[in-house]
């Protein structure tokens, strides 16, 4: 059973990315720097966030790319960006980190991507920021697609930064 669990949990793992972000773009304590509202309404960003929220409780499936089969973290992000933002992306969490641009964590907006080191590898997990300090992600086979606070101790300790493919 341990090997099966390790394989399932490794769905979002990948080798470390070589891209480095500016030193001031990723604070040591992301929970302390809560994102500020942008003050403007962005339809695409709202649509991406709404699609992500509509998928809560969808089952987790390693390599999964759709609501009928379930999602892993990168499959969820690819689906949400396609359905809500019209963007076609694919690849692992680390691949998504390489193709997106790092943004200042004090200006995270709905639809941006948030990255975590959950498996000892840079950008081994990714979610979609939906506003109010929360993100949607395909967590694991036990919980499926769920919403968590950026301030959740587990994720706050593993937060690596925010990136965007929008705008």
N, C-alpha and C. Protein backbone atom coordinates (compact mmCIF):
# COMPACT_ATOMS: atom_id res chain seq x y z
N UNK A 1 0.82 -1.20 0.00
CA UNK A 1 0.00 0.00 0.00
C UNK A 1 0.86 1.26 0.00
N UNK A 2 2.02 1.21 0.67
CA UNK A 2 2.90 2.37 0.73
C UNK A 2 3.37 2.80 -0.65
N UNK A 3 3.71 1.84 -1.52
CA UNK A 3 4.16 2.17 -2.87
C UNK A 3 3.03 2.79 -3.66
N UNK A 4 1.81 2.26 -3.54
CA UNK A 4 0.66 2.83 -4.25
C UNK A 4 0.44 4.26 -3.80
N UNK A 5 0.51 4.52 -2.50
CA UNK A 5 0.33 5.89 -1.99
C UNK A 5 1.41 6.81 -2.52
N UNK A 6 2.64 6.33 -2.54
CA UNK A 6 3.74 7.16 -3.02
C UNK A 6 3.55 7.51 -4.49
N UNK A 7 3.10 6.55 -5.30
CA UNK A 7 2.87 6.80 -6.72
C UNK A 7 1.74 7.80 -6.90
N UNK A 8 0.66 7.65 -6.15
CA UNK A 8 -0.47 8.57 -6.28
C UNK A 8 -0.10 9.97 -5.85
N UNK A 9 0.64 10.10 -4.78
CA UNK A 9 1.02 11.41 -4.28
C UNK A 9 2.08 12.07 -5.14
N UNK A 10 2.79 11.30 -5.94
CA UNK A 10 3.84 11.86 -6.78
C UNK A 10 3.27 12.42 -8.08
N UNK A 11 1.97 12.43 -8.26
CA UNK A 11 1.35 12.90 -9.49
C UNK A 11 1.73 14.32 -9.86
N UNK A 12 2.02 15.14 -8.91
CA UNK A 12 2.37 16.52 -9.20
C UNK A 12 3.84 16.78 -8.99
N UNK A 13 4.63 15.74 -8.79
CA UNK A 13 6.05 15.96 -8.55
C UNK A 13 6.78 16.06 -9.87
N UNK A 14 7.95 16.66 -9.81
CA UNK A 14 8.79 16.81 -10.99
C UNK A 14 10.17 17.23 -10.55
N UNK A 15 11.13 17.15 -11.46
CA UNK A 15 12.47 17.60 -11.10
C UNK A 15 12.45 19.10 -10.81
N UNK A 16 13.40 19.59 -10.04
CA UNK A 16 13.44 21.02 -9.73
C UNK A 16 13.54 21.87 -10.98
N UNK A 17 12.81 22.98 -11.01
CA UNK A 17 12.89 23.92 -12.11
C UNK A 17 14.17 24.73 -11.99
N UNK A 18 14.72 25.17 -13.11
CA UNK A 18 15.97 25.92 -13.07
C UNK A 18 15.73 27.42 -13.11
N UNK A 19 14.52 27.84 -13.39
CA UNK A 19 14.21 29.25 -13.46
C UNK A 19 14.19 29.84 -12.06
N UNK A 20 14.76 31.01 -11.90
CA UNK A 20 14.76 31.66 -10.61
C UNK A 20 13.99 32.97 -10.71
N UNK A 21 13.23 33.28 -9.67
CA UNK A 21 12.46 34.51 -9.63
C UNK A 21 13.26 35.58 -8.91
N UNK A 22 12.92 36.83 -9.14
CA UNK A 22 13.58 37.90 -8.40
C UNK A 22 13.42 37.68 -6.90
N UNK A 23 14.45 38.00 -6.15
CA UNK A 23 14.48 37.73 -4.71
C UNK A 23 13.31 38.37 -3.98
N UNK A 24 12.84 39.53 -4.41
CA UNK A 24 11.77 40.19 -3.67
C UNK A 24 10.38 39.74 -4.09
N UNK A 25 10.26 38.80 -5.01
CA UNK A 25 8.93 38.39 -5.46
C UNK A 25 8.33 37.27 -4.63
N UNK A 26 9.09 36.65 -3.77
CA UNK A 26 8.58 35.53 -3.00
C UNK A 26 9.00 35.67 -1.53
N UNK A 27 8.14 36.31 -0.70
CA UNK A 27 8.52 36.53 0.68
C UNK A 27 8.60 35.23 1.46
N UNK A 28 9.38 35.26 2.55
CA UNK A 28 9.56 34.07 3.38
C UNK A 28 8.27 33.66 4.07
N UNK A 29 7.40 34.58 4.39
CA UNK A 29 6.16 34.26 5.09
C UNK A 29 4.97 34.75 4.28
N UNK A 30 4.46 33.95 3.33
CA UNK A 30 3.38 34.39 2.46
C UNK A 30 2.09 34.67 3.22
N UNK A 31 1.86 33.99 4.31
CA UNK A 31 0.64 34.20 5.07
C UNK A 31 0.58 35.60 5.65
N UNK A 32 1.73 36.18 5.94
CA UNK A 32 1.77 37.52 6.51
C UNK A 32 1.53 38.59 5.46
N UNK A 33 1.73 38.27 4.20
CA UNK A 33 1.53 39.26 3.15
C UNK A 33 0.29 38.90 2.34
N UNK A 34 -0.85 39.13 2.91
CA UNK A 34 -2.12 38.83 2.27
C UNK A 34 -2.28 39.67 1.01
N UNK A 35 -2.66 39.06 -0.10
CA UNK A 35 -2.81 39.80 -1.35
C UNK A 35 -3.83 40.93 -1.23
N UNK A 36 -3.54 42.02 -1.90
CA UNK A 36 -4.43 43.16 -1.90
C UNK A 36 -5.38 43.07 -3.09
N UNK A 37 -6.64 43.47 -2.92
CA UNK A 37 -7.56 43.50 -4.05
C UNK A 37 -7.06 44.47 -5.11
N UNK A 38 -7.25 44.15 -6.35
CA UNK A 38 -6.76 44.99 -7.43
C UNK A 38 -7.64 46.21 -7.65
N UNK A 39 -8.88 46.18 -7.20
CA UNK A 39 -9.77 47.31 -7.38
C UNK A 39 -10.49 47.30 -8.71
N UNK A 40 -10.10 46.43 -9.63
CA UNK A 40 -10.77 46.35 -10.91
C UNK A 40 -11.30 44.94 -11.11
N UNK A 41 -12.40 44.86 -11.83
CA UNK A 41 -13.02 43.57 -12.10
C UNK A 41 -12.49 43.05 -13.42
N UNK A 42 -12.05 41.81 -13.44
CA UNK A 42 -11.50 41.21 -14.64
C UNK A 42 -12.32 39.97 -14.94
N UNK A 43 -13.05 40.00 -16.04
CA UNK A 43 -13.96 38.91 -16.39
C UNK A 43 -13.23 37.58 -16.55
N UNK A 44 -12.10 37.56 -17.23
CA UNK A 44 -11.37 36.31 -17.45
C UNK A 44 -10.89 35.74 -16.11
N UNK A 45 -10.32 36.57 -15.27
CA UNK A 45 -9.86 36.10 -13.96
C UNK A 45 -11.03 35.55 -13.14
N UNK A 46 -12.14 36.25 -13.17
CA UNK A 46 -13.33 35.78 -12.46
C UNK A 46 -13.81 34.45 -13.01
N UNK A 47 -13.80 34.30 -14.33
CA UNK A 47 -14.24 33.05 -14.95
C UNK A 47 -13.31 31.89 -14.55
N UNK A 48 -12.02 32.13 -14.53
CA UNK A 48 -11.07 31.08 -14.14
C UNK A 48 -11.35 30.66 -12.69
N UNK A 49 -11.53 31.64 -11.81
CA UNK A 49 -11.81 31.32 -10.40
C UNK A 49 -13.13 30.58 -10.26
N UNK A 50 -14.14 30.97 -11.00
CA UNK A 50 -15.45 30.31 -10.90
C UNK A 50 -15.39 28.87 -11.41
N UNK A 51 -14.66 28.64 -12.49
CA UNK A 51 -14.52 27.27 -12.98
C UNK A 51 -13.81 26.42 -11.93
N UNK A 52 -12.76 26.96 -11.33
CA UNK A 52 -12.04 26.22 -10.29
C UNK A 52 -12.99 25.88 -9.13
N UNK A 53 -13.76 26.85 -8.68
CA UNK A 53 -14.69 26.61 -7.57
C UNK A 53 -15.78 25.60 -7.94
N UNK A 54 -16.17 25.58 -9.20
CA UNK A 54 -17.22 24.64 -9.63
C UNK A 54 -16.76 23.19 -9.59
N UNK A 55 -15.46 22.98 -9.50
CA UNK A 55 -14.91 21.62 -9.52
C UNK A 55 -14.60 21.06 -8.14
N UNK A 56 -14.94 21.80 -7.08
CA UNK A 56 -14.73 21.30 -5.72
C UNK A 56 -15.38 19.93 -5.55
N UNK A 57 -14.70 19.06 -4.85
CA UNK A 57 -15.14 17.68 -4.57
C UNK A 57 -15.01 16.73 -5.75
N UNK A 58 -14.44 17.19 -6.88
CA UNK A 58 -14.14 16.27 -7.98
C UNK A 58 -13.05 15.32 -7.50
N UNK A 59 -13.13 14.04 -7.82
CA UNK A 59 -12.11 13.09 -7.35
C UNK A 59 -10.71 13.41 -7.86
N UNK A 60 -9.72 12.99 -7.09
CA UNK A 60 -8.32 13.08 -7.49
C UNK A 60 -8.00 11.85 -8.34
N UNK A 61 -7.30 12.06 -9.44
CA UNK A 61 -6.81 10.94 -10.25
C UNK A 61 -5.44 11.32 -10.78
N UNK A 62 -4.44 10.52 -10.46
CA UNK A 62 -3.08 10.77 -10.93
C UNK A 62 -3.10 10.80 -12.45
N UNK A 63 -2.61 11.90 -13.02
CA UNK A 63 -2.62 12.06 -14.48
C UNK A 63 -3.96 12.49 -15.02
N UNK A 64 -4.96 12.69 -14.15
CA UNK A 64 -6.31 13.04 -14.58
C UNK A 64 -6.38 14.44 -15.16
N UNK A 65 -7.18 14.57 -16.21
CA UNK A 65 -7.26 15.84 -16.94
C UNK A 65 -8.70 16.34 -17.13
N UNK A 66 -9.69 15.70 -16.53
CA UNK A 66 -11.06 16.15 -16.74
C UNK A 66 -11.98 15.76 -15.61
N UNK A 67 -13.14 16.44 -15.51
CA UNK A 67 -14.06 16.16 -14.42
C UNK A 67 -14.63 14.73 -14.45
N UNK A 68 -14.71 14.12 -15.62
CA UNK A 68 -15.25 12.76 -15.70
C UNK A 68 -14.30 11.72 -15.13
N UNK A 69 -13.00 11.98 -15.25
CA UNK A 69 -12.00 11.03 -14.77
C UNK A 69 -11.33 11.46 -13.48
N UNK A 70 -11.42 12.75 -13.16
CA UNK A 70 -10.74 13.31 -12.00
C UNK A 70 -9.50 14.07 -12.43
N UNK A 71 -8.84 14.69 -11.45
CA UNK A 71 -7.70 15.54 -11.74
C UNK A 71 -6.54 15.27 -10.81
N UNK A 72 -5.32 15.50 -11.31
CA UNK A 72 -4.19 15.75 -10.42
C UNK A 72 -4.02 17.27 -10.44
N UNK A 73 -3.05 17.79 -9.70
CA UNK A 73 -2.98 19.25 -9.56
C UNK A 73 -2.76 19.96 -10.89
N UNK A 74 -1.84 19.50 -11.70
CA UNK A 74 -1.57 20.18 -12.96
C UNK A 74 -2.70 19.98 -13.97
N UNK A 75 -3.35 18.83 -13.93
CA UNK A 75 -4.50 18.60 -14.80
C UNK A 75 -5.66 19.52 -14.47
N UNK A 76 -5.87 19.75 -13.18
CA UNK A 76 -6.92 20.69 -12.75
C UNK A 76 -6.61 22.09 -13.27
N UNK A 77 -5.38 22.54 -13.08
CA UNK A 77 -5.00 23.88 -13.51
C UNK A 77 -5.16 24.01 -15.03
N UNK A 78 -4.71 23.04 -15.79
CA UNK A 78 -4.84 23.09 -17.25
C UNK A 78 -6.31 23.17 -17.66
N UNK A 79 -7.16 22.37 -17.03
CA UNK A 79 -8.59 22.37 -17.35
C UNK A 79 -9.22 23.73 -17.02
N UNK A 80 -8.92 24.25 -15.85
CA UNK A 80 -9.49 25.52 -15.41
C UNK A 80 -9.05 26.66 -16.33
N UNK A 81 -7.77 26.70 -16.69
CA UNK A 81 -7.29 27.76 -17.58
C UNK A 81 -7.92 27.65 -18.97
N UNK A 82 -8.14 26.43 -19.44
CA UNK A 82 -8.76 26.24 -20.75
C UNK A 82 -10.23 26.64 -20.72
N UNK A 83 -10.97 26.15 -19.74
CA UNK A 83 -12.41 26.41 -19.68
C UNK A 83 -12.74 27.84 -19.27
N UNK A 84 -11.97 28.40 -18.36
CA UNK A 84 -12.27 29.74 -17.86
C UNK A 84 -11.54 30.85 -18.56
N UNK A 85 -10.35 30.54 -19.11
CA UNK A 85 -9.53 31.58 -19.69
C UNK A 85 -9.18 31.39 -21.15
N UNK A 86 -9.61 30.27 -21.73
CA UNK A 86 -9.30 30.02 -23.14
C UNK A 86 -7.83 29.72 -23.42
N UNK A 87 -7.07 29.37 -22.37
CA UNK A 87 -5.65 29.07 -22.55
C UNK A 87 -5.42 27.57 -22.61
N UNK A 88 -4.60 27.15 -23.54
CA UNK A 88 -4.26 25.73 -23.64
C UNK A 88 -2.85 25.52 -23.11
N UNK A 89 -2.77 24.86 -21.96
CA UNK A 89 -1.48 24.54 -21.36
C UNK A 89 -1.49 23.07 -20.96
N UNK A 90 -0.32 22.51 -20.83
CA UNK A 90 -0.22 21.14 -20.37
C UNK A 90 1.13 20.94 -19.71
N UNK A 91 1.26 19.84 -19.00
CA UNK A 91 2.53 19.53 -18.36
C UNK A 91 2.38 19.43 -16.85
N UNK A 92 3.49 19.19 -16.20
CA UNK A 92 3.53 19.03 -14.75
C UNK A 92 3.43 20.39 -14.06
N UNK A 93 3.33 20.35 -12.75
CA UNK A 93 3.35 21.59 -11.97
C UNK A 93 4.63 22.38 -12.27
N UNK A 94 5.75 21.70 -12.32
CA UNK A 94 7.02 22.38 -12.61
C UNK A 94 7.01 22.99 -14.01
N UNK A 95 6.43 22.29 -14.98
CA UNK A 95 6.31 22.83 -16.34
C UNK A 95 5.48 24.11 -16.32
N UNK A 96 4.37 24.10 -15.58
CA UNK A 96 3.54 25.29 -15.48
C UNK A 96 4.30 26.44 -14.84
N UNK A 97 5.14 26.12 -13.87
CA UNK A 97 5.98 27.14 -13.25
C UNK A 97 6.96 27.75 -14.22
N UNK A 98 7.51 26.94 -15.12
CA UNK A 98 8.47 27.44 -16.10
C UNK A 98 7.79 28.29 -17.17
N UNK A 99 6.56 27.96 -17.54
CA UNK A 99 5.91 28.70 -18.63
C UNK A 99 5.15 29.94 -18.17
N UNK A 100 4.99 30.12 -16.87
CA UNK A 100 4.28 31.28 -16.35
C UNK A 100 5.28 32.29 -15.78
N UNK A 101 4.82 33.51 -15.60
CA UNK A 101 5.73 34.54 -15.09
C UNK A 101 5.52 34.74 -13.59
N UNK A 102 6.61 34.82 -12.84
CA UNK A 102 6.50 35.07 -11.41
C UNK A 102 5.88 36.45 -11.16
N UNK A 103 5.07 36.54 -10.13
CA UNK A 103 4.46 37.82 -9.77
C UNK A 103 4.70 38.09 -8.29
N UNK A 104 4.60 39.33 -7.93
CA UNK A 104 4.77 39.73 -6.53
C UNK A 104 3.63 39.11 -5.72
N UNK A 105 3.96 38.46 -4.64
CA UNK A 105 2.95 37.76 -3.85
C UNK A 105 2.00 38.71 -3.12
N UNK A 106 2.31 40.00 -3.10
CA UNK A 106 1.36 40.95 -2.51
C UNK A 106 0.31 41.39 -3.51
N UNK A 107 0.42 40.94 -4.76
CA UNK A 107 -0.53 41.34 -5.79
C UNK A 107 -1.16 40.13 -6.48
N UNK A 108 -1.32 39.03 -5.76
CA UNK A 108 -1.94 37.84 -6.33
C UNK A 108 -3.42 38.13 -6.57
N UNK A 109 -3.90 37.73 -7.75
CA UNK A 109 -5.30 37.96 -8.12
C UNK A 109 -5.95 36.64 -8.50
N UNK A 110 -7.29 36.59 -8.45
CA UNK A 110 -7.97 35.37 -8.88
C UNK A 110 -7.49 34.95 -10.27
N UNK A 111 -7.27 33.66 -10.42
CA UNK A 111 -6.78 33.11 -11.68
C UNK A 111 -5.28 32.91 -11.73
N UNK A 112 -4.56 33.52 -10.80
CA UNK A 112 -3.11 33.31 -10.74
C UNK A 112 -2.81 31.92 -10.19
N UNK A 113 -1.63 31.44 -10.45
CA UNK A 113 -1.20 30.11 -9.99
C UNK A 113 -0.35 30.26 -8.74
N UNK A 114 -0.56 29.37 -7.80
CA UNK A 114 0.25 29.36 -6.58
C UNK A 114 0.98 28.03 -6.52
N UNK A 115 2.28 28.09 -6.21
CA UNK A 115 3.14 26.92 -6.25
C UNK A 115 3.68 26.56 -4.87
N UNK A 116 3.84 25.26 -4.66
CA UNK A 116 4.28 24.73 -3.38
C UNK A 116 5.31 23.63 -3.60
N UNK A 117 6.18 23.46 -2.62
CA UNK A 117 7.12 22.35 -2.59
C UNK A 117 6.58 21.35 -1.58
N UNK A 118 5.82 20.38 -2.06
CA UNK A 118 5.20 19.38 -1.17
C UNK A 118 5.93 18.04 -1.19
N UNK A 119 6.84 17.87 -2.14
CA UNK A 119 7.52 16.59 -2.28
C UNK A 119 9.04 16.72 -2.30
N UNK A 120 9.54 17.81 -1.78
CA UNK A 120 10.98 18.01 -1.79
C UNK A 120 11.52 18.44 -3.13
N UNK A 121 10.65 18.90 -4.01
CA UNK A 121 11.06 19.37 -5.34
C UNK A 121 10.34 20.68 -5.63
N UNK A 122 11.08 21.62 -6.20
CA UNK A 122 10.51 22.93 -6.53
C UNK A 122 9.28 22.77 -7.42
N UNK A 123 8.26 23.52 -7.10
CA UNK A 123 7.02 23.52 -7.87
C UNK A 123 6.44 22.11 -8.05
N UNK A 124 6.39 21.36 -6.97
CA UNK A 124 5.84 20.00 -7.05
C UNK A 124 4.32 19.98 -6.86
N UNK A 125 3.72 21.12 -6.55
CA UNK A 125 2.26 21.20 -6.42
C UNK A 125 1.81 22.58 -6.85
N UNK A 126 0.64 22.65 -7.49
CA UNK A 126 0.12 23.92 -8.00
C UNK A 126 -1.38 24.00 -7.75
N UNK A 127 -1.86 25.20 -7.53
CA UNK A 127 -3.29 25.46 -7.37
C UNK A 127 -3.64 26.78 -8.05
N UNK A 128 -4.94 27.07 -8.06
CA UNK A 128 -5.45 28.31 -8.65
C UNK A 128 -5.94 29.22 -7.53
N UNK A 129 -5.39 30.41 -7.46
CA UNK A 129 -5.83 31.38 -6.46
C UNK A 129 -7.22 31.87 -6.84
N UNK A 130 -8.15 31.88 -5.86
CA UNK A 130 -9.53 32.29 -6.15
C UNK A 130 -9.95 33.55 -5.40
N UNK A 131 -9.05 34.15 -4.66
CA UNK A 131 -9.35 35.37 -3.93
C UNK A 131 -9.51 35.13 -2.44
N UNK A 132 -9.50 36.21 -1.69
CA UNK A 132 -9.69 36.17 -0.25
C UNK A 132 -8.71 35.23 0.46
N UNK A 133 -7.49 35.15 -0.06
CA UNK A 133 -6.47 34.32 0.58
C UNK A 133 -6.68 32.82 0.43
N UNK A 134 -7.44 32.40 -0.58
CA UNK A 134 -7.74 30.98 -0.76
C UNK A 134 -7.37 30.50 -2.15
N UNK A 135 -7.12 29.18 -2.24
CA UNK A 135 -6.79 28.58 -3.53
C UNK A 135 -7.48 27.22 -3.66
N UNK A 136 -7.74 26.83 -4.90
CA UNK A 136 -8.36 25.54 -5.23
C UNK A 136 -7.27 24.67 -5.83
N UNK A 137 -7.25 23.40 -5.41
CA UNK A 137 -6.23 22.48 -5.91
C UNK A 137 -6.71 21.04 -5.80
N UNK A 138 -6.11 20.17 -6.58
CA UNK A 138 -6.35 18.72 -6.49
C UNK A 138 -5.31 18.20 -5.52
N UNK A 139 -5.75 17.93 -4.31
CA UNK A 139 -4.82 17.67 -3.22
C UNK A 139 -4.27 16.25 -3.21
N UNK A 140 -5.15 15.26 -3.08
CA UNK A 140 -4.71 13.86 -2.98
C UNK A 140 -5.93 12.96 -3.17
N UNK A 141 -5.73 11.65 -3.28
CA UNK A 141 -6.85 10.74 -3.52
C UNK A 141 -7.90 10.74 -2.40
N UNK A 142 -7.50 11.08 -1.21
CA UNK A 142 -8.44 11.07 -0.08
C UNK A 142 -9.39 12.27 -0.12
N UNK A 143 -8.89 13.45 -0.54
CA UNK A 143 -9.70 14.66 -0.48
C UNK A 143 -10.14 15.20 -1.83
N UNK A 144 -9.47 14.84 -2.92
CA UNK A 144 -9.85 15.33 -4.23
C UNK A 144 -9.62 16.83 -4.37
N UNK A 145 -10.44 17.47 -5.22
CA UNK A 145 -10.33 18.91 -5.44
C UNK A 145 -10.95 19.62 -4.24
N UNK A 146 -10.18 20.53 -3.67
CA UNK A 146 -10.63 21.22 -2.46
C UNK A 146 -10.14 22.65 -2.45
N UNK A 147 -10.64 23.40 -1.51
CA UNK A 147 -10.21 24.78 -1.32
C UNK A 147 -9.49 24.87 0.01
N UNK A 148 -8.38 25.59 0.02
CA UNK A 148 -7.62 25.79 1.25
C UNK A 148 -7.21 27.25 1.35
N UNK A 149 -6.93 27.66 2.56
CA UNK A 149 -6.41 29.00 2.81
C UNK A 149 -4.91 29.01 2.58
N UNK A 150 -4.41 30.08 2.01
CA UNK A 150 -2.97 30.24 1.85
C UNK A 150 -2.30 30.24 3.23
N UNK A 151 -3.03 30.63 4.25
CA UNK A 151 -2.48 30.68 5.61
C UNK A 151 -2.50 29.32 6.31
N UNK A 152 -3.10 28.31 5.67
CA UNK A 152 -3.07 26.95 6.23
C UNK A 152 -1.61 26.61 6.51
N UNK A 153 -1.33 26.17 7.72
CA UNK A 153 0.06 25.96 8.15
C UNK A 153 0.85 25.07 7.17
N UNK A 154 0.25 23.96 6.75
CA UNK A 154 0.94 23.04 5.85
C UNK A 154 1.36 23.76 4.57
N UNK A 155 0.42 24.48 3.93
CA UNK A 155 0.73 25.12 2.66
C UNK A 155 1.57 26.38 2.83
N UNK A 156 1.34 27.14 3.89
CA UNK A 156 2.13 28.35 4.13
C UNK A 156 3.62 28.00 4.28
N UNK A 157 3.91 26.88 4.92
CA UNK A 157 5.30 26.46 5.11
C UNK A 157 5.94 25.96 3.81
N UNK A 158 5.14 25.59 2.85
CA UNK A 158 5.65 25.01 1.60
C UNK A 158 5.46 25.93 0.39
N UNK A 159 4.90 27.11 0.63
CA UNK A 159 4.62 28.06 -0.45
C UNK A 159 5.92 28.52 -1.09
N UNK A 160 5.94 28.51 -2.44
CA UNK A 160 7.14 28.93 -3.18
C UNK A 160 6.93 30.21 -3.96
N UNK A 161 5.72 30.56 -4.24
CA UNK A 161 5.48 31.80 -4.97
C UNK A 161 4.26 31.71 -5.85
N UNK A 162 3.92 32.85 -6.42
CA UNK A 162 2.77 32.97 -7.32
C UNK A 162 3.27 33.32 -8.71
N UNK A 163 2.54 32.82 -9.70
CA UNK A 163 2.87 33.08 -11.10
C UNK A 163 1.57 33.38 -11.82
N UNK A 164 1.69 33.92 -13.02
CA UNK A 164 0.49 34.20 -13.81
C UNK A 164 0.70 33.83 -15.28
N UNK A 165 -0.39 33.42 -15.89
CA UNK A 165 -0.46 33.23 -17.34
C UNK A 165 -1.51 34.17 -17.93
N UNK A 166 -2.14 34.96 -17.07
CA UNK A 166 -3.19 35.88 -17.50
C UNK A 166 -2.63 37.29 -17.61
N UNK A 167 -3.23 38.10 -18.43
CA UNK A 167 -2.86 39.52 -18.66
C UNK A 167 -1.67 39.62 -19.54
